[in-house]
Every structure is written in C-alpha cells, then in structure tokens.
C-alpha cells in the first residue's frame, strides 16, 4: 500500500512539475504561414506572360501568369459578334409583319368571295410559323450569348490569379514553357499573420477557449514576445502524448519568415500545474 501511495505521489509531483514547466517555459512550436496556396492551370498550354518573380508581394486578385490565349480571343470576338447580331431577329419580325398583312388581305378577299377558306387558313398558319421563327431567332441569340460567356470564362481560366495577399514563394515555370493541366506553377504564402500550432497538454487545454489570449516568443530575437490569440482548438486529442492542438494567430509586422521555432504561452494559465496534478491524482486513485 505504501509503495502505491509513493508511486501515486511521484506521479502527482511529476505532473505538477511538467505543468509548471509548460507555464514557465512555454510550449515549443514552429510558425507557419496563415495561408499557403499553390496554384495550377486547369488546362494545358504555353505560358505567354509572367508578371511576378519570387519574393514579390502580391495582392488578392493580381494576375500572376497567363497562358497563350490568342486563338481563344479570336473565337471570343466571333462569338461576341454573333451574340450581338440582331439581323436574324429583325428579319423574322419583318416576315411576320408581311405575313400578317397577307392574312388580313386574304380574309378581306374571302369576305368578297375571292379567296377560299383553305387559303385563309394557310395564311394564318404562315403568321404563326413566322412568330415561332422570331422566338427561335431570340432563343438562338440567347444561346450565342451563353457561348460567349463560356468562352470568356475559359479565357479567364488561362490566367493564374492570386486568391490571397502575400508573397510569391516559388515560381516553378517561366515564359515560353509548357504547363500541364493541374501541374504546380506558383506558390503564394501569407506571412503578415503567422500561425503557431502548439501541442498543449490536456489539463492546460481544458482551461483555454477560442479567442483567448496567447503570447509567442521568438527565440531568435532575444526572446521578443508578441501578443496573439487562439483561433483553433483541435477536436481530437493525441492519445499518445495526451495533448490537444491549439493554433495561435500572431501579427508579423516585422516580416519575420515562417518556419521559426517559438514558444507559446497562455496568460493566466498558472493554474495548470494544480489542474494537471489533480487530474493525475484522480487517475492514481482509480483501481
């Protein structure tokens, strides 16, 4: 019985010591970009224009590269002309007017006994067919507009547009080279805001909340600490290490590179030593 108590006490002391170490020294983590995207063309082609180089700052919506789209632009111009063409519609409308007049004259002639009922009905049918021809011409024009819009979208897809504001980290292809569909072309990262994913012991993680405060210590600058906040807490803990991933967001006005080792602390977490010791104590009491 004495051995069990001594063993349990040792576990409690060890847990308290570990939790205190977390509080005093922080949790080691590595910073990473708050956004990291690698862009690719969805169709193959020859790169005709490269507007950036590695290290350039870009804004969301900036065009980075463009495929050769000369043939597609010619086709787009043709489709635009067809979509804006009113000749077929006007011609069909004029035919309807003419056939309507013919029908009126035949009705008058029929009243005078100079036209048969068959001729009158045939003229009425010609008017109906003419009206349908107008509808068909308008429908075809609508389809031409849709084809034009589709071609315009296809041309826009021949450009790589940055979805974020950040920096060009990698440029894998250059002007004149061929790009395969979905092959990596350019990588853009956002580092004005950095993320640090910290494996937080469960006893400490239970005391944290989304939006709560955190500090990040950059070890390469004499322990400079920057205020941050918790933006994500993993829904699944790691059973092996008994930790939970907590992501801290921190501003990076000095343009520090991502990938640095840092220490993450959570203000007001000094209670974690007691919480951890209590948790282990409760575990030790179980048979």
Protein backbone atom coordinates (compact mmCIF):
# COMPACT_ATOMS: atom_id res chain seq x y z
CA UNK A 1 0.00 0.00 0.00
CA UNK A 2 2.88 2.34 0.90
CA UNK A 3 4.51 1.68 -2.47
CA UNK A 4 1.28 2.61 -4.26
CA UNK A 5 0.97 5.86 -2.34
CA UNK A 6 4.61 6.73 -3.02
CA UNK A 7 4.15 5.89 -6.70
CA UNK A 8 0.98 7.96 -6.94
CA UNK A 9 2.67 10.85 -5.14
CA UNK A 10 5.56 10.66 -7.58
CA UNK A 11 3.12 10.82 -10.50
CA UNK A 12 1.40 13.83 -8.97
CA UNK A 13 4.71 15.62 -8.39
CA UNK A 14 5.88 14.77 -11.90
CA UNK A 15 2.66 16.07 -13.39
CA UNK A 16 2.88 19.25 -11.36
CA UNK A 17 6.47 19.75 -12.39
CA UNK A 18 5.63 19.19 -16.08
CA UNK A 19 2.68 21.57 -15.97
CA UNK A 20 4.82 24.19 -14.23
CA UNK A 21 7.45 23.79 -16.96
CA UNK A 22 4.76 24.48 -19.55
CA UNK A 23 3.75 27.62 -17.68
CA UNK A 24 7.29 28.89 -17.10
CA UNK A 25 8.97 27.99 -20.39
CA UNK A 26 6.04 27.84 -22.77
CA UNK A 27 5.25 25.21 -25.34
CA UNK A 28 7.58 24.82 -28.29
CA UNK A 29 6.03 25.26 -31.72
CA UNK A 30 7.01 26.23 -35.25
CA UNK A 31 5.44 29.17 -37.06
CA UNK A 32 3.85 28.72 -40.46
CA UNK A 33 2.09 31.00 -42.99
CA UNK A 34 -1.52 31.83 -42.20
CA UNK A 35 -2.25 30.99 -45.85
CA UNK A 36 -0.20 28.85 -48.20
CA UNK A 37 -1.56 28.20 -51.70
CA UNK A 38 -0.05 26.51 -54.73
CA UNK A 39 -1.72 27.46 -57.99
CA UNK A 40 -2.07 25.48 -61.22
CA UNK A 41 -3.79 25.93 -64.58
CA UNK A 42 -6.79 23.67 -65.12
CA UNK A 43 -5.92 23.25 -68.80
CA UNK A 44 -2.59 22.74 -70.58
CA UNK A 45 -0.92 25.49 -72.57
CA UNK A 46 2.18 27.56 -73.23
CA UNK A 47 2.97 30.29 -70.72
CA UNK A 48 2.94 33.61 -72.57
CA UNK A 49 3.33 36.08 -69.70
CA UNK A 50 4.84 36.01 -66.21
CA UNK A 51 4.11 39.14 -64.21
CA UNK A 52 5.89 38.26 -60.95
CA UNK A 53 9.13 36.87 -59.64
CA UNK A 54 9.98 35.03 -56.44
CA UNK A 55 9.83 37.30 -53.42
CA UNK A 56 7.34 39.74 -54.95
CA UNK A 57 4.47 40.99 -52.82
CA UNK A 58 1.09 40.44 -54.47
CA UNK A 59 -2.45 41.41 -53.65
CA UNK A 60 -5.59 39.32 -53.81
CA UNK A 61 -6.87 39.39 -57.39
CA UNK A 62 -3.50 40.10 -59.02
CA UNK A 63 -2.78 38.21 -62.27
CA UNK A 64 0.43 36.24 -61.80
CA UNK A 65 0.82 34.29 -65.05
CA UNK A 66 -1.09 33.92 -68.32
CA UNK A 67 -1.24 31.21 -70.95
CA UNK A 68 -1.12 31.99 -74.67
CA UNK A 69 -4.78 32.84 -75.43
CA UNK A 70 -4.55 34.45 -78.88
CA UNK A 71 -6.68 31.81 -80.64
CA UNK A 72 -9.25 31.88 -77.85
CA UNK A 73 -9.55 35.66 -78.14
CA UNK A 74 -10.27 35.39 -81.87
CA UNK A 75 -13.01 32.87 -81.15
CA UNK A 76 -14.35 35.12 -78.40
CA UNK A 77 -14.62 38.02 -80.86
CA UNK A 78 -16.60 35.81 -83.26
CA UNK A 79 -18.98 34.72 -80.53
CA UNK A 80 -19.44 38.29 -79.38
CA UNK A 81 -20.43 39.35 -82.91
CA UNK A 82 -22.98 36.52 -83.09
CA UNK A 83 -24.33 37.32 -79.63
CA UNK A 84 -24.87 40.97 -80.55
CA UNK A 85 -26.28 40.27 -84.04
CA UNK A 86 -29.89 41.45 -84.42
CA UNK A 87 -30.28 40.72 -88.14
CA UNK A 88 -31.94 37.31 -87.76
CA UNK A 89 -34.44 38.63 -85.26
CA UNK A 90 -35.30 41.72 -87.31
CA UNK A 91 -35.66 39.66 -90.49
CA UNK A 92 -38.03 37.25 -88.77
CA UNK A 93 -40.06 40.11 -87.33
CA UNK A 94 -40.40 41.73 -90.77
CA UNK A 95 -41.56 38.43 -92.25
CA UNK A 96 -44.23 38.19 -89.56
CA UNK A 97 -45.44 41.69 -90.41
CA UNK A 98 -45.63 40.81 -94.10
CA UNK A 99 -47.45 37.54 -93.47
CA UNK A 100 -49.86 39.26 -91.11
CA UNK A 101 -50.75 41.75 -93.86
CA UNK A 102 -51.17 38.89 -96.35
CA UNK A 103 -53.52 37.15 -93.94
CA UNK A 104 -55.61 40.30 -93.49
CA UNK A 105 -55.91 40.76 -97.25
CA UNK A 106 -56.96 37.14 -97.77
CA UNK A 107 -59.60 37.45 -95.05
CA UNK A 108 -60.97 40.52 -96.84
CA UNK A 109 -60.82 38.68 -100.15
CA UNK A 110 -62.68 35.78 -98.58
CA UNK A 111 -65.45 38.09 -97.47
CA UNK A 112 -65.72 39.18 -101.09
CA UNK A 113 -65.74 35.60 -102.32
CA UNK A 114 -62.34 35.96 -103.97
CA UNK A 115 -60.38 33.62 -101.67
CA UNK A 116 -61.07 30.16 -100.33
CA UNK A 117 -61.17 29.20 -96.66
CA UNK A 118 -58.16 26.97 -97.26
CA UNK A 119 -56.11 29.94 -98.50
CA UNK A 120 -57.14 31.98 -95.46
CA UNK A 121 -56.18 29.22 -93.01
CA UNK A 122 -52.90 28.68 -94.82
CA UNK A 123 -52.08 32.40 -94.49
CA UNK A 124 -52.96 32.30 -90.74
CA UNK A 125 -50.63 29.31 -90.30
CA UNK A 126 -47.85 31.25 -92.05
CA UNK A 127 -48.25 34.03 -89.47
CA UNK A 128 -47.99 31.52 -86.61
CA UNK A 129 -44.89 29.93 -88.13
CA UNK A 130 -43.37 33.38 -88.57
CA UNK A 131 -43.96 34.25 -84.91
CA UNK A 132 -42.28 31.00 -83.91
CA UNK A 133 -39.36 31.92 -86.16
CA UNK A 134 -38.96 35.14 -84.18
CA UNK A 135 -38.93 33.17 -80.94
CA UNK A 136 -36.38 30.77 -82.40
CA UNK A 137 -34.13 33.63 -83.51
CA UNK A 138 -34.28 35.13 -79.99
CA UNK A 139 -33.54 31.73 -78.45
CA UNK A 140 -30.53 31.25 -80.72
CA UNK A 141 -29.23 34.67 -79.76
CA UNK A 142 -29.56 33.75 -76.07
CA UNK A 143 -27.54 30.60 -76.75
CA UNK A 144 -24.91 32.66 -78.58
CA UNK A 145 -24.62 34.92 -75.53
CA UNK A 146 -24.15 31.89 -73.29
CA UNK A 147 -21.45 30.54 -75.62
CA UNK A 148 -19.75 33.92 -75.49
CA UNK A 149 -19.88 33.93 -71.67
CA UNK A 150 -18.48 30.38 -71.59
CA UNK A 151 -15.60 31.32 -73.88
CA UNK A 152 -14.90 34.40 -71.75
CA UNK A 153 -14.72 32.21 -68.63
CA UNK A 154 -12.35 29.81 -70.40
CA UNK A 155 -10.02 32.70 -71.25
CA UNK A 156 -10.08 33.91 -67.66
CA UNK A 157 -9.12 30.40 -66.57
CA UNK A 158 -5.99 30.77 -68.65
CA UNK A 159 -4.75 33.26 -66.06
CA UNK A 160 -3.47 32.47 -62.60
CA UNK A 161 -4.93 34.96 -60.15
CA UNK A 162 -3.72 35.18 -56.58
CA UNK A 163 -6.54 34.29 -54.14
CA UNK A 164 -4.66 35.93 -51.25
CA UNK A 165 -2.43 38.88 -50.47
CA UNK A 166 1.05 37.63 -49.72
CA UNK A 167 4.43 36.86 -51.26
CA UNK A 168 5.50 34.68 -54.16
CA UNK A 169 7.46 31.87 -52.54
CA UNK A 170 8.09 29.66 -55.58
CA UNK A 171 7.84 30.11 -59.33
CA UNK A 172 8.11 26.71 -60.97
CA UNK A 173 7.55 27.62 -64.64
CA UNK A 174 8.61 30.54 -66.79
CA UNK A 175 7.61 32.29 -70.02
CA UNK A 176 7.68 30.01 -73.03
CA UNK A 177 7.45 26.80 -71.03
CA UNK A 178 4.51 24.43 -71.34
CA UNK A 179 2.21 23.94 -68.39
CA UNK A 180 0.37 20.68 -67.91
CA UNK A 181 -3.15 20.70 -66.51
CA UNK A 182 -3.13 20.82 -62.69
CA UNK A 183 0.70 20.89 -62.55
CA UNK A 184 2.09 23.18 -59.84
CA UNK A 185 3.12 26.56 -61.23
CA UNK A 186 3.41 29.15 -58.45
CA UNK A 187 3.22 29.17 -54.66
CA UNK A 188 1.99 32.18 -52.68
CA UNK A 189 2.22 32.49 -48.89
CA UNK A 190 0.74 34.95 -46.42
CA UNK A 191 3.12 35.81 -43.58
CA UNK A 192 1.90 39.20 -42.36
CA UNK A 193 -0.06 36.99 -39.98
CA UNK A 194 1.62 33.82 -38.71
CA UNK A 195 0.20 30.68 -37.16
CA UNK A 196 1.81 28.58 -34.45
CA UNK A 197 0.38 25.12 -33.76
CA UNK A 198 1.16 24.15 -30.18
CA UNK A 199 0.66 20.62 -28.72
CA UNK A 200 -0.96 21.66 -25.44
CA UNK A 201 -1.28 19.18 -22.54
CA UNK A 202 -4.93 18.26 -22.00
CA UNK A 203 -5.02 19.65 -18.45
CA UNK A 204 -3.96 23.05 -19.79
CA UNK A 205 -6.11 22.83 -22.91
CA UNK A 206 -9.22 22.46 -20.73
CA UNK A 207 -8.63 25.96 -19.35
CA UNK A 208 -8.35 27.60 -22.79
CA UNK A 209 -11.03 28.99 -25.09
CA UNK A 210 -11.30 30.20 -28.68
CA UNK A 211 -10.36 33.84 -28.95
CA UNK A 212 -8.40 33.64 -25.71
CA UNK A 213 -5.05 35.43 -25.31
CA UNK A 214 -1.66 33.92 -26.04
CA UNK A 215 1.90 35.14 -26.40
CA UNK A 216 4.50 33.93 -28.87
CA UNK A 217 8.19 34.23 -28.01
CA UNK A 218 10.56 34.40 -30.96
CA UNK A 219 13.74 32.76 -29.75
CA UNK A 220 15.93 34.27 -32.46
CA UNK A 221 15.28 37.85 -31.27
CA UNK A 222 16.34 37.70 -27.63
CA UNK A 223 13.04 36.32 -26.51
CA UNK A 224 10.82 39.00 -28.01
CA UNK A 225 7.18 38.25 -27.16
CA UNK A 226 4.26 39.14 -29.39
CA UNK A 227 0.61 39.11 -28.34
CA UNK A 228 -1.67 36.71 -30.21
CA UNK A 229 -4.94 34.86 -29.84
CA UNK A 230 -6.28 31.33 -30.06
CA UNK A 231 -8.11 30.75 -33.36
CA UNK A 232 -8.47 26.95 -33.40
CA UNK A 233 -8.52 24.04 -30.97
CA UNK A 234 -8.35 20.50 -32.28
CA UNK A 235 -11.49 18.44 -31.81
CA UNK A 236 -9.44 15.24 -31.41
CA UNK A 237 -6.67 14.92 -28.83
CA UNK A 238 -3.48 12.94 -29.41
CA UNK A 239 -3.78 9.90 -27.14
CA UNK A 240 -0.07 9.05 -27.22
CA UNK A 241 1.15 12.43 -25.98
CA UNK A 242 -2.09 13.43 -24.21
CA UNK A 243 -2.06 16.79 -25.97
CA UNK A 244 -4.50 18.84 -27.99
CA UNK A 245 -3.51 21.02 -30.91
CA UNK A 246 -4.08 24.72 -30.24
CA UNK A 247 -3.46 27.19 -33.07
CA UNK A 248 -2.34 30.70 -32.16
CA UNK A 249 -2.54 33.60 -34.59
CA UNK A 250 0.01 36.40 -34.24
CA UNK A 251 0.68 39.55 -36.24
CA UNK A 252 4.00 39.76 -38.07
CA UNK A 253 4.66 43.45 -38.83
CA UNK A 254 8.44 42.89 -38.88
CA UNK A 255 8.05 40.44 -41.78
CA UNK A 256 9.72 37.53 -39.99
CA UNK A 257 9.99 34.33 -42.05
CA UNK A 258 7.68 31.44 -41.28
CA UNK A 259 9.26 28.24 -40.00
CA UNK A 260 10.92 29.65 -36.89
CA UNK A 261 10.86 27.81 -33.58
CA UNK A 262 8.91 29.73 -30.96
CA UNK A 263 7.49 29.24 -27.50
CA UNK A 264 3.80 29.72 -26.92
CA UNK A 265 2.38 30.80 -23.58
CA UNK A 266 -1.17 31.34 -22.39
CA UNK A 267 -1.58 34.20 -19.90
CA UNK A 268 -3.40 33.19 -16.73
CA UNK A 269 -2.53 29.51 -17.18
CA UNK A 270 -0.54 29.24 -13.93
CA UNK A 271 -3.40 27.19 -12.54
CA UNK A 272 -2.47 24.38 -14.91
CA UNK A 273 0.10 22.93 -12.58
CA UNK A 274 -2.57 22.35 -9.95
CA UNK A 275 -5.05 21.16 -12.57
CA UNK A 276 -2.58 18.66 -14.01
CA UNK A 277 -1.59 17.37 -10.58
CA UNK A 278 -5.24 16.99 -9.62
CA UNK A 279 -6.01 15.10 -12.81
CA UNK A 280 -3.17 12.64 -12.26
CA UNK A 281 -4.15 12.29 -8.60
CA UNK A 282 -7.66 11.30 -9.58
CA UNK A 283 -6.25 8.79 -12.05
CA UNK A 284 -3.96 7.31 -9.40
CA UNK A 285 -6.90 6.75 -7.05
CA UNK A 286 -8.65 4.52 -9.56
CA UNK A 287 -8.05 0.75 -9.01
